[in-house]
Protein backbone atom coordinates (compact mmCIF):
# COMPACT_ATOMS: atom_id res chain seq x y z
CA MET A 1 0.00 0.00 0.00
CA LEU A 2 1.38 3.41 -1.00
CA GLU A 3 2.10 5.86 1.82
CA GLN A 4 1.59 8.74 -0.63
CA SER A 5 1.82 9.42 -4.35
CA LEU A 6 5.23 10.93 -5.13
CA LEU A 7 4.76 11.38 -8.91
CA THR A 8 2.58 14.35 -9.83
CA ASN A 9 2.26 14.40 -13.63
CA TRP A 10 1.95 10.71 -14.52
CA GLN A 11 -0.07 9.98 -17.66
CA ASP A 12 -1.17 6.66 -19.16
CA LYS A 13 1.42 7.02 -21.92
CA HIS A 14 4.26 6.89 -19.38
CA ALA A 15 3.44 3.25 -18.62
CA LYS A 16 4.23 2.36 -22.24
CA LEU A 17 7.31 4.60 -22.37
CA PHE A 18 8.88 3.46 -19.07
CA ASP A 19 12.18 1.60 -19.62
CA ASN A 20 11.80 2.06 -23.40
CA HIS A 21 12.17 5.82 -23.91
CA THR A 22 13.39 8.76 -21.88
CA ILE A 23 10.61 10.31 -19.82
CA LEU A 24 10.55 13.46 -17.70
CA LEU A 25 8.28 13.44 -14.63
CA THR A 26 7.61 15.70 -11.65
CA HIS A 27 7.78 14.54 -8.03
CA LYS A 28 7.21 15.53 -4.38
CA LEU A 29 10.36 14.14 -2.75
CA ASN A 30 11.23 17.55 -1.29
CA GLN A 31 8.03 17.40 0.75
CA THR A 32 9.39 14.44 2.74
CA GLY A 33 11.87 16.65 4.65
CA LEU A 34 14.60 14.03 4.09
CA PHE A 35 16.56 15.96 1.49
CA THR A 36 17.26 19.32 3.16
CA GLU A 37 20.91 20.25 3.62
CA ASP A 38 20.58 19.74 7.37
CA ALA A 39 19.11 16.24 6.94
CA LEU A 40 21.77 15.27 4.43
CA ALA A 41 24.56 16.66 6.62
CA GLN A 42 23.40 14.31 9.39
CA LEU A 43 23.44 11.44 6.90
CA ILE A 44 27.05 12.26 5.94
CA ASP A 45 27.98 12.41 9.64
CA ARG A 46 26.98 8.76 9.97
CA CYS A 47 28.80 7.45 6.92
CA GLU A 48 32.06 5.50 6.82
CA PRO A 49 34.72 5.78 4.05
CA GLN A 50 33.33 2.71 2.27
CA HIS A 51 29.91 4.37 2.06
CA TYR A 52 30.91 7.22 -0.26
CA ASN A 53 33.00 8.38 -3.19
CA ILE A 54 34.01 11.98 -3.64
CA ASN A 55 35.71 13.08 -6.85
CA THR A 56 36.97 16.11 -8.69
CA MET A 57 37.18 16.39 -12.45
CA GLY A 58 38.54 18.52 -15.27
CA TYR A 59 36.83 21.11 -17.46
CA ASP A 60 37.13 19.39 -20.84
CA LYS A 61 34.26 17.01 -21.62
CA ASN A 62 36.50 15.23 -24.15
CA LEU A 63 39.31 14.49 -21.70
CA LEU A 64 38.84 12.26 -18.65
CA GLU A 65 40.51 13.91 -15.65
CA TRP A 66 38.99 12.18 -12.64
CA ARG A 67 40.47 12.15 -9.14
CA ALA A 68 39.17 10.49 -5.98
CA GLY A 69 39.31 11.99 -2.50
CA GLU A 70 38.29 11.58 1.14
CA ILE A 71 36.36 13.80 3.56
CA GLY A 72 38.66 13.23 6.53
CA ASP A 73 37.14 14.28 9.85
CA LEU A 74 34.90 17.06 8.51
CA THR A 75 31.29 17.25 9.61
CA GLY A 76 28.51 16.78 7.11
CA LYS A 77 27.76 20.51 7.08
CA GLN A 78 31.42 21.29 6.40
CA VAL A 79 31.54 18.77 3.56
CA ILE A 80 28.51 20.36 1.91
CA GLU A 81 30.02 23.85 2.26
CA ALA A 82 33.32 22.66 0.77
CA ILE A 83 31.45 21.13 -2.17
CA ARG A 84 29.54 24.39 -2.61
CA LYS A 85 32.78 26.36 -2.97
CA GLY A 86 34.84 23.72 -4.79
CA ARG A 87 34.72 21.45 -7.81
CA MET A 88 33.60 18.10 -6.43
CA TRP A 89 30.96 15.43 -6.82
CA MET A 90 29.99 13.24 -3.84
CA ASN A 91 28.11 9.93 -4.11
CA LEU A 92 26.74 8.54 -0.84
CA HIS A 93 25.82 4.95 -1.62
CA ARG A 94 22.82 2.91 -0.51
CA ILE A 95 21.40 5.59 1.76
CA MET A 96 18.34 3.41 2.42
CA GLU A 97 20.68 1.25 4.54
CA ARG A 98 21.88 4.25 6.55
CA ASP A 99 18.37 5.33 7.58
CA LEU A 100 15.08 3.44 7.29
CA GLU A 101 13.21 6.64 6.39
CA TYR A 102 15.02 6.62 3.02
CA LYS A 103 14.11 2.95 2.55
CA ARG A 104 10.46 3.82 3.05
CA VAL A 105 10.72 6.49 0.35
CA LEU A 106 12.56 4.11 -1.99
CA ASP A 107 9.93 1.41 -1.53
CA ASN A 108 7.19 4.00 -1.98
CA ILE A 109 8.70 5.05 -5.32
CA PHE A 110 8.83 1.54 -6.73
CA ASP A 111 5.51 0.46 -5.25
CA GLU A 112 3.96 3.40 -7.07
CA LEU A 113 5.75 2.58 -10.34
CA GLU A 114 4.69 -1.06 -10.11
CA GLU A 115 1.10 0.08 -9.63
CA LYS A 116 1.31 2.31 -12.70
CA VAL A 117 3.38 0.15 -15.10
CA PRO A 118 1.74 -3.19 -16.01
CA ASN A 119 3.90 -6.27 -15.31
CA LEU A 120 6.73 -4.21 -13.78
CA LYS A 121 8.37 -6.22 -10.99
CA THR A 122 11.54 -4.72 -9.52
CA PHE A 123 14.20 -6.06 -7.19
CA LYS A 124 17.65 -5.02 -5.88
CA ARG A 125 16.37 -1.47 -5.45
CA ASN A 126 18.94 1.18 -4.58
CA MET A 127 19.11 4.88 -3.75
CA THR A 128 22.28 6.99 -4.03
CA LEU A 129 22.67 10.58 -2.86
CA LEU A 130 24.52 13.01 -5.15
CA ILE A 131 25.86 16.35 -3.90
CA SER A 132 27.84 18.32 -6.48
CA SER A 133 29.51 21.67 -6.95
CA PRO A 134 28.45 24.51 -9.25
CA ASN A 135 29.54 24.27 -12.90
CA ILE A 136 30.99 20.75 -12.81
CA GLN A 137 30.35 17.77 -15.04
CA VAL A 138 29.97 14.02 -14.99
CA TYR A 139 31.62 12.40 -17.97
CA TYR A 140 29.87 10.35 -20.63
CA HIS A 141 29.04 6.98 -19.11
CA ALA A 142 26.46 4.17 -18.89
CA ASP A 143 24.90 2.24 -16.01
CA ILE A 144 24.21 -1.48 -15.77
CA GLN A 145 20.75 -1.31 -14.17
CA GLY A 146 17.56 0.68 -14.63
CA GLN A 147 18.18 4.20 -13.38
CA SER A 148 16.30 7.45 -12.70
CA LEU A 149 17.72 10.84 -11.71
CA TRP A 150 15.66 12.90 -9.24
CA GLN A 151 16.54 16.59 -8.89
CA LEU A 152 16.10 18.07 -5.40
CA SER A 153 18.07 21.33 -5.37
CA GLY A 154 19.93 23.33 -8.04
CA ARG A 155 19.82 22.85 -11.80
CA LYS A 156 21.70 20.53 -14.14
CA ARG A 157 21.70 19.76 -17.86
CA VAL A 158 21.46 16.08 -18.73
CA TYR A 159 22.44 14.66 -22.13
CA VAL A 160 20.94 11.24 -22.93
CA TYR A 161 22.21 9.33 -25.97
CA PRO A 162 20.68 6.41 -27.91
CA PRO A 163 21.48 2.96 -26.42
CA THR A 164 22.92 1.66 -29.70
CA GLU A 165 26.25 0.22 -30.83
CA THR A 166 27.24 3.62 -32.25
CA PHE A 167 27.13 5.28 -28.84
CA LEU A 168 27.96 2.29 -26.61
CA SER A 169 29.82 -0.59 -28.24
CA ALA A 170 29.31 -4.16 -27.04
CA LYS A 171 32.97 -4.30 -26.00
CA SER A 172 32.67 -1.10 -23.94
CA LEU A 173 29.56 -2.42 -22.22
CA GLU A 174 31.30 -5.71 -21.41
CA LYS A 175 34.20 -3.83 -19.80
CA ILE A 176 31.74 -2.06 -17.49
CA LEU A 177 29.95 -5.29 -16.58
CA LEU A 178 33.20 -7.16 -15.91
CA ARG A 179 34.41 -4.16 -13.84
CA GLU A 180 37.48 -3.59 -15.99
CA THR A 181 36.49 0.06 -16.11
CA GLU A 182 34.05 2.08 -14.04
CA GLU A 183 31.18 3.51 -16.09
CA GLU A 184 33.06 5.79 -18.51
CA VAL A 185 33.02 4.86 -22.21
CA PRO A 186 34.51 6.46 -25.35
CA TYR A 187 32.91 9.78 -26.28
CA GLU A 188 33.01 11.89 -29.45
CA PRO A 189 31.83 15.53 -29.56
CA TRP A 190 29.49 14.81 -32.48
CA PHE A 191 27.51 12.47 -30.23
CA ASP A 192 25.83 15.61 -28.86
CA ASP A 193 24.06 16.10 -32.20
CA TYR A 194 22.02 12.98 -31.36
CA ALA A 195 21.46 13.57 -27.65
CA GLU A 196 18.19 14.30 -25.91
CA ILE A 197 18.88 17.32 -23.67
CA TYR A 198 17.00 18.06 -20.45
CA ASP A 199 17.44 20.92 -17.99
CA LEU A 200 16.44 19.33 -14.68
CA GLU A 201 14.86 21.61 -12.10
CA PRO A 202 14.06 20.79 -8.45
CA GLY A 203 11.01 18.55 -8.40
CA GLN A 204 11.77 16.87 -11.75
CA MET A 205 12.88 13.32 -12.52
CA ALA A 206 14.34 11.80 -15.69
CA HIS A 207 14.27 8.08 -16.48
CA TRP A 208 16.02 6.66 -19.54
CA PRO A 209 16.28 3.25 -21.26
CA LEU A 210 18.72 0.59 -20.08
CA TYR A 211 22.33 1.19 -21.21
CA ALA A 212 21.53 4.64 -22.62
CA PRO A 213 24.80 6.60 -22.26
CA HIS A 214 24.48 9.99 -20.58
CA ARG A 215 26.49 12.85 -19.16
CA VAL A 216 25.70 15.80 -16.87
CA GLU A 217 26.68 19.47 -16.60
CA ASN A 218 25.73 21.50 -13.51
CA TYR A 219 24.60 25.08 -13.71
CA ASP A 220 26.18 27.71 -11.43
CA CYS A 221 24.69 26.37 -8.20
CA LEU A 222 25.09 23.59 -5.67
CA ASN A 223 23.19 20.53 -6.87
CA ILE A 224 21.51 17.88 -4.72
CA SER A 225 19.98 14.86 -6.45
CA ILE A 226 19.37 11.18 -5.91
CA THR A 227 19.51 8.29 -8.30
CA THR A 228 17.24 5.30 -7.91
CA GLU A 229 18.29 2.01 -9.45
CA HIS A 230 16.41 -1.21 -10.01
CA TRP A 231 16.57 -4.61 -11.65
CA THR A 232 13.87 -6.52 -13.47
CA ARG A 233 13.94 -9.96 -15.06
CA ASP A 234 14.55 -8.33 -18.48
CA ILE A 235 17.41 -6.23 -17.08
CA TRP A 236 18.93 -9.32 -15.46
CA ASN A 237 18.68 -11.25 -18.74
CA ALA A 238 20.45 -8.43 -20.59
CA TYR A 239 23.15 -8.37 -17.91
CA ALA A 240 23.67 -12.15 -18.09
CA VAL A 241 23.92 -12.15 -21.89
CA ASN A 242 26.35 -9.24 -22.12
CA TYR A 243 28.44 -10.45 -19.17
CA GLY A 244 28.56 -13.94 -20.71
CA ASN A 245 29.57 -12.42 -24.04
CA GLY A 246 32.45 -10.69 -22.30
CA VAL A 247 33.59 -13.96 -20.74
CA LEU A 248 33.37 -15.85 -24.04
CA ARG A 249 35.22 -13.08 -25.86
CA ARG A 250 38.05 -13.20 -23.30
CA THR A 251 38.34 -16.98 -22.91
CA LEU A 252 37.46 -18.43 -26.30
CA GLY A 253 38.02 -15.46 -28.59
CA PHE A 254 34.42 -15.43 -29.85
CA LYS A 255 33.36 -12.52 -32.05
CA ASN A 256 30.05 -11.19 -33.38
CA LEU A 257 28.21 -12.32 -30.25
CA SER A 258 24.46 -11.73 -30.06
CA GLN A 259 23.15 -9.28 -27.47
CA ASN A 260 19.61 -10.63 -27.79
CA SER A 261 18.35 -11.05 -24.22
CA SER A 262 15.65 -13.61 -24.96
CA GLY A 263 15.87 -17.25 -26.01
CA PHE A 264 17.74 -20.36 -24.95
CA HIS A 265 21.20 -18.84 -25.44
CA ILE A 266 20.72 -16.84 -22.23
CA TYR A 267 21.40 -19.94 -20.11
CA PRO A 268 24.90 -20.92 -21.28
CA LYS A 269 25.95 -17.28 -21.19
CA ALA A 270 24.55 -16.90 -17.67
CA ALA A 271 26.42 -20.06 -16.67
CA ALA A 272 29.66 -18.64 -18.08
CA ALA A 273 29.10 -15.42 -16.12
CA LEU A 274 28.36 -17.34 -12.90
CA LEU A 275 31.49 -19.48 -13.25
CA TRP A 276 33.63 -16.41 -13.97
CA LYS A 277 32.35 -14.78 -10.78
CA LYS A 278 32.61 -17.96 -8.70
CA LEU A 279 36.26 -18.38 -9.68
CA LYS A 280 36.71 -14.67 -8.88
CA LEU A 281 38.20 -14.09 -12.30
CA ASP A 282 36.21 -10.86 -12.38
CA GLN A 283 38.62 -9.50 -9.76
CA ARG A 284 41.77 -9.94 -11.83
CA ASN A 285 41.48 -6.69 -13.77
CA GLN A 286 39.07 -4.87 -11.47
CA PHE A 287 39.72 -1.16 -11.27
CA SER A 288 40.41 0.67 -8.03
CA HIS A 289 40.37 4.31 -7.02
CA LYS A 290 43.58 6.19 -6.17
CA VAL A 291 42.66 8.66 -3.43
CA ASP A 292 44.92 11.73 -3.65
CA PHE A 293 43.03 14.66 -2.11
CA ARG A 294 41.19 15.52 1.09
CA VAL A 295 38.20 17.85 1.37
CA ASP A 296 39.28 21.01 3.20
CA LEU A 297 36.82 23.81 3.87
CA GLY A 298 39.65 26.30 4.40
CA ALA A 299 41.34 25.63 1.06
CA GLU A 300 40.68 27.89 -1.92
CA LYS A 301 39.08 25.10 -3.96
CA GLY A 302 37.73 23.18 -0.96
CA MET A 303 40.39 20.45 -1.18
CA VAL A 304 44.10 19.76 -0.58
CA ASP A 305 46.41 17.15 -2.09
CA ILE A 306 47.49 14.19 0.05
CA ALA A 307 49.81 11.22 -0.42
CA PRO A 308 47.98 8.82 -2.79
CA TYR A 309 46.59 5.50 -1.58
CA GLU A 310 44.40 2.81 -3.13
CA LYS A 311 40.71 2.43 -2.27
CA ALA A 312 38.72 -0.54 -3.53
CA ALA A 313 35.97 0.38 -5.97
């Protein structure tokens, strides 16, 4: 049973568009009181280093310049102020496990979507908090599960690209799934000619098709957003097929592998993926983050360099 309706402009057409096309909706998450700066500062106060990533990045959208950092012993309020004055992007992972109030909201969101979208059954639901500085970007990338971006404060421009081989090759997708790279994939400036472009305002949400590459540019203001992620049987099938393709390409040298996520061929590919994971072969080339800065409210750019160390992804 829904606690309250959080989507305010849902139309019948959205049920047919969901997971198949990009849709822009409006929401009432800010009315929950869980996403004020004070509430989020308290959430940061309770987090451990493994619960977050904080990064800084370059100015050129064509050149990946991505550095990882730590927040040290700053309070949540100090972290938010440093992000406001600096050039950083903080992800606080799985916030529904930090506080049950966020889990109630997450479940409310997907209970409502499952009511509205026929045959939608979700699992492995997730909610990630994003706090980011004015005028920064997130590079061109793709995600492995269904994802929505909910804007809470500030404004950002979101570019969503077609989920086709031209914009995300099978080999690039396999590298993401096998954790040989994070989420970044090759980008060309002319891709923008084919992007759907949305200026997200507080109270808006964008949801795009599985594996649709996207990138983000903040306007001149602190941005607070969340992403919600989910799996369905169709998403799991696509994951198993593409993961299995990656295994077969690396072990047996197969080429021209089908990405069709229906039919009998799912099962041997899923078995190959399961064996790869069971033998922990997926950890051989797994990327890690090199942490080389600390958030510092007193520094000009809100951060100072530190001696680098490795942090598991």
